[in-house]
PDB file of N, CA and C in Angstrom:
ATOM      1  N   UNK A   1     106.917 106.699 118.746  1.00  0.00           N
ATOM      2  CA  UNK A   1     107.064 108.019 118.168  1.00  0.00           C
ATOM      3  C   UNK A   1     106.065 108.969 118.832  1.00  0.00           C
ATOM      4  N   UNK A   2     106.470 110.163 119.097  1.00  0.00           N
ATOM      5  CA  UNK A   2     105.629 111.149 119.769  1.00  0.00           C
ATOM      6  C   UNK A   2     104.523 111.642 118.846  1.00  0.00           C
ATOM      7  N   UNK A   3     103.385 111.936 119.461  1.00  0.00           N
ATOM      8  CA  UNK A   3     102.265 112.469 118.699  1.00  0.00           C
ATOM      9  C   UNK A   3     102.524 113.923 118.343  1.00  0.00           C
ATOM     10  N   UNK A   4     101.981 114.328 117.204  1.00  0.00           N
ATOM     11  CA  UNK A   4     102.070 115.736 116.818  1.00  0.00           C
ATOM     12  C   UNK A   4     100.894 116.480 117.439  1.00  0.00           C
ATOM     13  N   UNK A   5     101.179 117.216 118.471  1.00  0.00           N
ATOM     14  CA  UNK A   5     100.129 117.974 119.141  1.00  0.00           C
ATOM     15  C   UNK A   5     100.083 119.414 118.642  1.00  0.00           C
ATOM     16  N   UNK A   6     101.087 119.842 117.958  1.00  0.00           N
ATOM     17  CA  UNK A   6     101.171 121.201 117.447  1.00  0.00           C
ATOM     18  C   UNK A   6     100.267 121.338 116.220  1.00  0.00           C
ATOM     19  N   UNK A   7      99.221 122.142 116.359  1.00  0.00           N
ATOM     20  CA  UNK A   7      98.246 122.306 115.285  1.00  0.00           C
ATOM     21  C   UNK A   7      98.889 122.871 114.021  1.00  0.00           C
ATOM     22  N   UNK A   8      99.844 123.785 114.164  1.00  0.00           N
ATOM     23  CA  UNK A   8     100.512 124.348 112.995  1.00  0.00           C
ATOM     24  C   UNK A   8     101.280 123.277 112.226  1.00  0.00           C
ATOM     25  N   UNK A   9     101.945 122.366 112.944  1.00  0.00           N
ATOM     26  CA  UNK A   9     102.676 121.276 112.285  1.00  0.00           C
ATOM     27  C   UNK A   9     101.708 120.360 111.539  1.00  0.00           C
ATOM     28  N   UNK A  10     100.587 120.058 112.173  1.00  0.00           N
ATOM     29  CA  UNK A  10      99.590 119.193 111.518  1.00  0.00           C
ATOM     30  C   UNK A  10      99.024 119.867 110.274  1.00  0.00           C
ATOM     31  N   UNK A  11      98.787 121.161 110.358  1.00  0.00           N
ATOM     32  CA  UNK A  11      98.289 121.887 109.188  1.00  0.00           C
ATOM     33  C   UNK A  11      99.328 121.932 108.073  1.00  0.00           C
ATOM     34  N   UNK A  12     100.593 122.037 108.432  1.00  0.00           N
ATOM     35  CA  UNK A  12     101.660 122.019 107.438  1.00  0.00           C
ATOM     36  C   UNK A  12     101.716 120.661 106.734  1.00  0.00           C
ATOM     37  N   UNK A  13     101.569 119.587 107.500  1.00  0.00           N
ATOM     38  CA  UNK A  13     101.532 118.248 106.907  1.00  0.00           C
ATOM     39  C   UNK A  13     100.372 118.149 105.928  1.00  0.00           C
ATOM     40  N   UNK A  14      99.221 118.661 106.330  1.00  0.00           N
ATOM     41  CA  UNK A  14      98.030 118.628 105.468  1.00  0.00           C
ATOM     42  C   UNK A  14      98.284 119.388 104.163  1.00  0.00           C
ATOM     43  N   UNK A  15      98.867 120.571 104.278  1.00  0.00           N
ATOM     44  CA  UNK A  15      99.142 121.372 103.088  1.00  0.00           C
ATOM     45  C   UNK A  15     100.112 120.648 102.146  1.00  0.00           C
ATOM     46  N   UNK A  16     101.200 120.132 102.688  1.00  0.00           N
ATOM     47  CA  UNK A  16     102.189 119.431 101.866  1.00  0.00           C
ATOM     48  C   UNK A  16     101.589 118.202 101.202  1.00  0.00           C
ATOM     49  N   UNK A  17     100.749 117.481 101.937  1.00  0.00           N
ATOM     50  CA  UNK A  17     100.097 116.305 101.380  1.00  0.00           C
ATOM     51  C   UNK A  17      99.139 116.692 100.255  1.00  0.00           C
ATOM     52  N   UNK A  18      98.365 117.739 100.461  1.00  0.00           N
ATOM     53  CA  UNK A  18      97.447 118.211  99.412  1.00  0.00           C
ATOM     54  C   UNK A  18      98.198 118.568  98.133  1.00  0.00           C
ATOM     55  N   UNK A  19      99.311 119.260  98.266  1.00  0.00           N
ATOM     56  CA  UNK A  19     100.104 119.654  97.100  1.00  0.00           C
ATOM     57  C   UNK A  19     100.597 118.419  96.361  1.00  0.00           C
ATOM     58  N   UNK A  20     101.124 117.452  97.098  1.00  0.00           N
ATOM     59  CA  UNK A  20     101.646 116.238  96.468  1.00  0.00           C
ATOM     60  C   UNK A  20     100.545 115.399  95.839  1.00  0.00           C
ATOM     61  N   UNK A  21      99.385 115.322  96.498  1.00  0.00           N
ATOM     62  CA  UNK A  21      98.272 114.565  95.923  1.00  0.00           C
ATOM     63  C   UNK A  21      97.823 115.184  94.608  1.00  0.00           C
ATOM     64  N   UNK A  22      97.742 116.502  94.573  1.00  0.00           N
ATOM     65  CA  UNK A  22      97.331 117.182  93.350  1.00  0.00           C
ATOM     66  C   UNK A  22      98.364 117.036  92.241  1.00  0.00           C
ATOM     67  N   UNK A  23      99.635 117.003  92.608  1.00  0.00           N
ATOM     68  CA  UNK A  23     100.707 116.971  91.617  1.00  0.00           C
ATOM     69  C   UNK A  23     100.922 115.583  91.028  1.00  0.00           C
ATOM     70  N   UNK A  24     101.113 114.588  91.895  1.00  0.00           N
ATOM     71  CA  UNK A  24     101.493 113.288  91.341  1.00  0.00           C
ATOM     72  C   UNK A  24     101.050 112.096  92.163  1.00  0.00           C
ATOM     73  N   UNK A  25     100.425 112.304  93.266  1.00  0.00           N
ATOM     74  CA  UNK A  25     100.026 111.194  94.116  1.00  0.00           C
ATOM     75  C   UNK A  25     101.050 110.927  95.205  1.00  0.00           C
ATOM     76  N   UNK A  26     100.686 110.057  96.127  1.00  0.00           N
ATOM     77  CA  UNK A  26     101.519 109.737  97.284  1.00  0.00           C
ATOM     78  C   UNK A  26     101.429 108.231  97.521  1.00  0.00           C
ATOM     79  N   UNK A  27     102.555 107.573  97.782  1.00  0.00           N
ATOM     80  CA  UNK A  27     102.502 106.142  98.096  1.00  0.00           C
ATOM     81  C   UNK A  27     101.619 105.884  99.324  1.00  0.00           C
ATOM     82  N   UNK A  28     100.944 104.743  99.337  1.00  0.00           N
ATOM     83  CA  UNK A  28     100.014 104.408 100.416  1.00  0.00           C
ATOM     84  C   UNK A  28     100.688 104.468 101.782  1.00  0.00           C
ATOM     85  N   UNK A  29     101.911 103.964 101.889  1.00  0.00           N
ATOM     86  CA  UNK A  29     102.605 103.962 103.174  1.00  0.00           C
ATOM     87  C   UNK A  29     102.768 105.378 103.712  1.00  0.00           C
ATOM     88  N   UNK A  30     103.195 106.261 102.866  1.00  0.00           N
ATOM     89  CA  UNK A  30     103.398 107.653 103.274  1.00  0.00           C
ATOM     90  C   UNK A  30     102.073 108.357 103.542  1.00  0.00           C
ATOM     91  N   UNK A  31     101.082 108.075 102.715  1.00  0.00           N
ATOM     92  CA  UNK A  31      99.764 108.680 102.883  1.00  0.00           C
ATOM     93  C   UNK A  31      99.168 108.318 104.233  1.00  0.00           C
ATOM     94  N   UNK A  32      99.202 107.040 104.570  1.00  0.00           N
ATOM     95  CA  UNK A  32      98.628 106.584 105.834  1.00  0.00           C
ATOM     96  C   UNK A  32      99.288 107.264 107.021  1.00  0.00           C
ATOM     97  N   UNK A  33     100.593 107.310 107.010  1.00  0.00           N
ATOM     98  CA  UNK A  33     101.335 107.923 108.113  1.00  0.00           C
ATOM     99  C   UNK A  33     101.029 109.420 108.217  1.00  0.00           C
ATOM    100  N   UNK A  34     100.991 110.109 107.084  1.00  0.00           N
ATOM    101  CA  UNK A  34     100.706 111.550 107.085  1.00  0.00           C
ATOM    102  C   UNK A  34      99.298 111.838 107.581  1.00  0.00           C
ATOM    103  N   UNK A  35      98.329 111.049 107.139  1.00  0.00           N
ATOM    104  CA  UNK A  35      96.950 111.254 107.578  1.00  0.00           C
ATOM    105  C   UNK A  35      96.830 111.066 109.086  1.00  0.00           C
ATOM    106  N   UNK A  36      97.456 110.023 109.594  1.00  0.00           N
ATOM    107  CA  UNK A  36      97.417 109.770 111.033  1.00  0.00           C
ATOM    108  C   UNK A  36      98.033 110.934 111.804  1.00  0.00           C
ATOM    109  N   UNK A  37      99.157 111.425 111.321  1.00  0.00           N
ATOM    110  CA  UNK A  37      99.828 112.539 111.994  1.00  0.00           C
ATOM    111  C   UNK A  37      98.996 113.817 111.931  1.00  0.00           C
ATOM    112  N   UNK A  38      98.242 113.991 110.850  1.00  0.00           N
ATOM    113  CA  UNK A  38      97.379 115.168 110.752  1.00  0.00           C
ATOM    114  C   UNK A  38      96.354 115.197 111.874  1.00  0.00           C
ATOM    115  N   UNK A  39      95.944 114.019 112.321  1.00  0.00           N
ATOM    116  CA  UNK A  39      94.990 113.935 113.423  1.00  0.00           C
ATOM    117  C   UNK A  39      95.655 114.071 114.791  1.00  0.00           C
ATOM    118  N   UNK A  40      96.989 114.016 114.808  1.00  0.00           N
ATOM    119  CA  UNK A  40      97.704 114.074 116.074  1.00  0.00           C
ATOM    120  C   UNK A  40      97.565 112.790 116.873  1.00  0.00           C
ATOM    121  N   UNK A  41      97.376 111.662 116.170  1.00  0.00           N
ATOM    122  CA  UNK A  41      97.183 110.372 116.838  1.00  0.00           C
ATOM    123  C   UNK A  41      98.442 109.521 116.729  1.00  0.00           C
ATOM    124  N   UNK A  42      98.707 108.737 117.782  1.00  0.00           N
ATOM    125  CA  UNK A  42      99.769 107.750 117.657  1.00  0.00           C
ATOM    126  C   UNK A  42      99.169 106.517 116.983  1.00  0.00           C
ATOM    127  N   UNK A  43      99.987 105.519 116.721  1.00  0.00           N
ATOM    128  CA  UNK A  43      99.501 104.353 115.980  1.00  0.00           C
ATOM    129  C   UNK A  43      98.388 103.620 116.725  1.00  0.00           C
ATOM    130  N   UNK A  44      98.539 103.460 118.021  1.00  0.00           N
ATOM    131  CA  UNK A  44      97.527 102.732 118.802  1.00  0.00           C
ATOM    132  C   UNK A  44      96.189 103.461 118.764  1.00  0.00           C
ATOM    133  N   UNK A  45      96.207 104.759 118.981  1.00  0.00           N
ATOM    134  CA  UNK A  45      94.967 105.551 118.966  1.00  0.00           C
ATOM    135  C   UNK A  45      94.304 105.486 117.597  1.00  0.00           C
ATOM    136  N   UNK A  46      95.104 105.595 116.544  1.00  0.00           N
ATOM    137  CA  UNK A  46      94.542 105.576 115.197  1.00  0.00           C
ATOM    138  C   UNK A  46      93.918 104.211 114.890  1.00  0.00           C
ATOM    139  N   UNK A  47      94.597 103.141 115.290  1.00  0.00           N
ATOM    140  CA  UNK A  47      94.059 101.799 115.068  1.00  0.00           C
ATOM    141  C   UNK A  47      92.713 101.622 115.752  1.00  0.00           C
ATOM    142  N   UNK A  48      92.617 102.083 116.985  1.00  0.00           N
ATOM    143  CA  UNK A  48      91.355 101.986 117.713  1.00  0.00           C
ATOM    144  C   UNK A  48      90.270 102.800 117.024  1.00  0.00           C
ATOM    145  N   UNK A  49      90.646 103.955 116.503  1.00  0.00           N
ATOM    146  CA  UNK A  49      89.692 104.838 115.844  1.00  0.00           C
ATOM    147  C   UNK A  49      89.119 104.218 114.572  1.00  0.00           C
ATOM    148  N   UNK A  50      89.980 103.588 113.761  1.00  0.00           N
ATOM    149  CA  UNK A  50      89.522 103.077 112.461  1.00  0.00           C
ATOM    150  C   UNK A  50      89.203 101.588 112.473  1.00  0.00           C
ATOM    151  N   UNK A  51      89.527 100.890 113.547  1.00  0.00           N
ATOM    152  CA  UNK A  51      89.155  99.486 113.665  1.00  0.00           C
ATOM    153  C   UNK A  51      90.069  98.508 112.943  1.00  0.00           C
ATOM    154  N   UNK A  52      91.381  98.758 113.005  1.00  0.00           N
ATOM    155  CA  UNK A  52      92.345  97.812 112.447  1.00  0.00           C
ATOM    156  C   UNK A  52      93.380  97.476 113.517  1.00  0.00           C
ATOM    157  N   UNK A  53      94.129  96.408 113.284  1.00  0.00           N
ATOM    158  CA  UNK A  53      95.133  96.019 114.270  1.00  0.00           C
ATOM    159  C   UNK A  53      96.389  96.871 114.127  1.00  0.00           C
ATOM    160  N   UNK A  54      97.135  96.939 115.215  1.00  0.00           N
ATOM    161  CA  UNK A  54      98.383  97.687 115.216  1.00  0.00           C
ATOM    162  C   UNK A  54      99.378  97.088 114.222  1.00  0.00           C
ATOM    163  N   UNK A  55      99.448  95.770 114.169  1.00  0.00           N
ATOM    164  CA  UNK A  55     100.392  95.143 113.232  1.00  0.00           C
ATOM    165  C   UNK A  55     100.030  95.467 111.785  1.00  0.00           C
ATOM    166  N   UNK A  56      98.749  95.555 111.485  1.00  0.00           N
ATOM    167  CA  UNK A  56      98.325  95.915 110.128  1.00  0.00           C
ATOM    168  C   UNK A  56      98.745  97.340 109.795  1.00  0.00           C
ATOM    169  N   UNK A  57      98.517  98.270 110.729  1.00  0.00           N
ATOM    170  CA  UNK A  57      98.908  99.660 110.471  1.00  0.00           C
ATOM    171  C   UNK A  57     100.410  99.773 110.295  1.00  0.00           C
ATOM    172  N   UNK A  58     101.156  99.074 111.122  1.00  0.00           N
ATOM    173  CA  UNK A  58     102.618  99.124 110.992  1.00  0.00           C
ATOM    174  C   UNK A  58     103.062  98.626 109.625  1.00  0.00           C
ATOM    175  N   UNK A  59     102.457  97.552 109.151  1.00  0.00           N
ATOM    176  CA  UNK A  59     102.796  97.032 107.823  1.00  0.00           C
ATOM    177  C   UNK A  59     102.444  98.045 106.737  1.00  0.00           C
ATOM    178  N   UNK A  60     101.300  98.678 106.867  1.00  0.00           N
ATOM    179  CA  UNK A  60     100.890  99.687 105.882  1.00  0.00           C
ATOM    180  C   UNK A  60     101.914 100.820 105.866  1.00  0.00           C
ATOM    181  N   UNK A  61     102.251 101.342 107.040  1.00  0.00           N
ATOM    182  CA  UNK A  61     103.140 102.497 107.125  1.00  0.00           C
ATOM    183  C   UNK A  61     104.579 102.160 106.736  1.00  0.00           C
ATOM    184  N   UNK A  62     104.925 100.891 106.768  1.00  0.00           N
ATOM    185  CA  UNK A  62     106.262 100.469 106.350  1.00  0.00           C
ATOM    186  C   UNK A  62     106.279  99.990 104.900  1.00  0.00           C
ATOM    187  N   UNK A  63     105.112  99.973 104.263  1.00  0.00           N
ATOM    188  CA  UNK A  63     105.024  99.531 102.874  1.00  0.00           C
ATOM    189  C   UNK A  63     105.258  98.036 102.717  1.00  0.00           C
ATOM    190  N   UNK A  64     104.906  97.262 103.740  1.00  0.00           N
ATOM    191  CA  UNK A  64     105.083  95.811 103.691  1.00  0.00           C
ATOM    192  C   UNK A  64     103.723  95.114 103.734  1.00  0.00           C
ATOM    193  N   UNK A  65     103.723  93.867 103.361  1.00  0.00           N
ATOM    194  CA  UNK A  65     102.515  93.061 103.476  1.00  0.00           C
ATOM    195  C   UNK A  65     101.526  93.340 102.357  1.00  0.00           C
ATOM    196  N   UNK A  66     100.415  92.646 102.432  1.00  0.00           N
ATOM    197  CA  UNK A  66      99.356  92.775 101.437  1.00  0.00           C
ATOM    198  C   UNK A  66      98.087  93.270 102.118  1.00  0.00           C
ATOM    199  N   UNK A  67      97.914  94.539 102.081  1.00  0.00           N
ATOM    200  CA  UNK A  67      96.748  95.145 102.723  1.00  0.00           C
ATOM    201  C   UNK A  67      95.551  95.025 101.786  1.00  0.00           C
ATOM    202  N   UNK A  68      94.380  94.815 102.357  1.00  0.00           N
ATOM    203  CA  UNK A  68      93.171  94.681 101.547  1.00  0.00           C
ATOM    204  C   UNK A  68      92.570  96.054 101.234  1.00  0.00           C
ATOM    205  N   UNK A  69      91.756  96.082 100.222  1.00  0.00           N
ATOM    206  CA  UNK A  69      91.049  97.315  99.867  1.00  0.00           C
ATOM    207  C   UNK A  69      90.140  97.728 101.022  1.00  0.00           C
ATOM    208  N   UNK A  70      89.504  96.767 101.672  1.00  0.00           N
ATOM    209  CA  UNK A  70      88.616  97.068 102.796  1.00  0.00           C
ATOM    210  C   UNK A  70      89.388  97.746 103.940  1.00  0.00           C
ATOM    211  N   UNK A  71      90.598  97.282 104.202  1.00  0.00           N
ATOM    212  CA  UNK A  71      91.413  97.887 105.259  1.00  0.00           C
ATOM    213  C   UNK A  71      91.816  99.303 104.877  1.00  0.00           C
ATOM    214  N   UNK A  72      92.235  99.487 103.641  1.00  0.00           N
ATOM    215  CA  UNK A  72      92.593 100.838 103.193  1.00  0.00           C
ATOM    216  C   UNK A  72      91.393 101.770 103.266  1.00  0.00           C
ATOM    217  N   UNK A  73      90.221 101.269 102.944  1.00  0.00           N
ATOM    218  CA  UNK A  73      89.017 102.093 103.064  1.00  0.00           C
ATOM    219  C   UNK A  73      88.800 102.541 104.506  1.00  0.00           C
ATOM    220  N   UNK A  74      89.079 101.668 105.478  1.00  0.00           N
ATOM    221  CA  UNK A  74      88.944 102.033 106.889  1.00  0.00           C
ATOM    222  C   UNK A  74      89.922 103.142 107.257  1.00  0.00           C
ATOM    223  N   UNK A  75      91.136 103.056 106.740  1.00  0.00           N
ATOM    224  CA  UNK A  75      92.162 104.054 107.036  1.00  0.00           C
ATOM    225  C   UNK A  75      91.794 105.396 106.406  1.00  0.00           C
ATOM    226  N   UNK A  76      91.242 105.381 105.222  1.00  0.00           N
ATOM    227  CA  UNK A  76      90.943 106.610 104.480  1.00  0.00           C
ATOM    228  C   UNK A  76      89.611 107.258 104.860  1.00  0.00           C
ATOM    229  N   UNK A  77      88.672 106.476 105.352  1.00  0.00           N
ATOM    230  CA  UNK A  77      87.310 106.963 105.611  1.00  0.00           C
ATOM    231  C   UNK A  77      87.237 108.213 106.489  1.00  0.00           C
ATOM    232  N   UNK A  78      88.005 108.310 107.591  1.00  0.00           N
ATOM    233  CA  UNK A  78      87.875 109.509 108.439  1.00  0.00           C
ATOM    234  C   UNK A  78      88.256 110.811 107.727  1.00  0.00           C
ATOM    235  N   UNK A  79      88.885 110.697 106.578  1.00  0.00           N
ATOM    236  CA  UNK A  79      89.349 111.888 105.853  1.00  0.00           C
ATOM    237  C   UNK A  79      88.502 112.177 104.614  1.00  0.00           C
ATOM    238  N   UNK A  80      87.429 111.422 104.447  1.00  0.00           N
ATOM    239  CA  UNK A  80      86.573 111.598 103.284  1.00  0.00           C
ATOM    240  C   UNK A  80      87.267 111.178 102.000  1.00  0.00           C
ATOM    241  N   UNK A  81      88.197 110.228 102.104  1.00  0.00           N
ATOM    242  CA  UNK A  81      88.939 109.747 100.945  1.00  0.00           C
ATOM    243  C   UNK A  81      88.551 108.309 100.634  1.00  0.00           C
ATOM    244  N   UNK A  82      88.713 107.934  99.374  1.00  0.00           N
ATOM    245  CA  UNK A  82      88.501 106.544  98.973  1.00  0.00           C
ATOM    246  C   UNK A  82      89.511 106.198  97.890  1.00  0.00           C
ATOM    247  N   UNK A  83      89.670 104.919  97.651  1.00  0.00           N
ATOM    248  CA  UNK A  83      90.589 104.465  96.609  1.00  0.00           C
ATOM    249  C   UNK A  83      89.990 104.714  95.240  1.00  0.00           C
ATOM    250  N   UNK A  84      90.859 104.982  94.289  1.00  0.00           N
ATOM    251  CA  UNK A  84      90.404 105.188  92.917  1.00  0.00           C
ATOM    252  C   UNK A  84      91.487 104.664  91.973  1.00  0.00           C
ATOM    253  N   UNK A  85      91.083 104.313  90.803  1.00  0.00           N
ATOM    254  CA  UNK A  85      92.021 103.907  89.763  1.00  0.00           C
ATOM    255  C   UNK A  85      92.120 105.067  88.782  1.00  0.00           C
ATOM    256  N   UNK A  86      93.331 105.515  88.529  1.00  0.00           N
ATOM    257  CA  UNK A  86      93.541 106.620  87.597  1.00  0.00           C
ATOM    258  C   UNK A  86      94.565 106.215  86.546  1.00  0.00           C
ATOM    259  N   UNK A  87      94.407 106.763  85.376  1.00  0.00           N
ATOM    260  CA  UNK A  87      95.358 106.515  84.304  1.00  0.00           C
ATOM    261  C   UNK A  87      96.522 107.502  84.468  1.00  0.00           C
ATOM    262  N   UNK A  88      97.718 107.001  84.296  1.00  0.00           N
ATOM    263  CA  UNK A  88      98.894 107.857  84.373  1.00  0.00           C
ATOM    264  C   UNK A  88      99.807 107.562  83.213  1.00  0.00           C
ATOM    265  N   UNK A  89     100.770 108.441  83.017  1.00  0.00           N
ATOM    266  CA  UNK A  89     101.754 108.217  81.952  1.00  0.00           C
ATOM    267  C   UNK A  89     101.549 109.102  80.761  1.00  0.00           C
TER     268      UNK A  89
END
């Protein structure tokens, strides 16, 4: 998949993600992919940046497998985000 080099597109992704996070949250698979695209990185570049394997990132972005909290923390760290438990309903 081609990298998003257009800064306006990346900013639009950021805005849409912020709105959804504030409203109701975002599934981890979608969140990971959106965050990576906001940086304009392809999967290989992002994996090298955060220190995870390509197969792990692919599983995360496809919503498959059992990702660890430590791995998710690596994916979220560049954005100043961390996992949290919230009450819903």
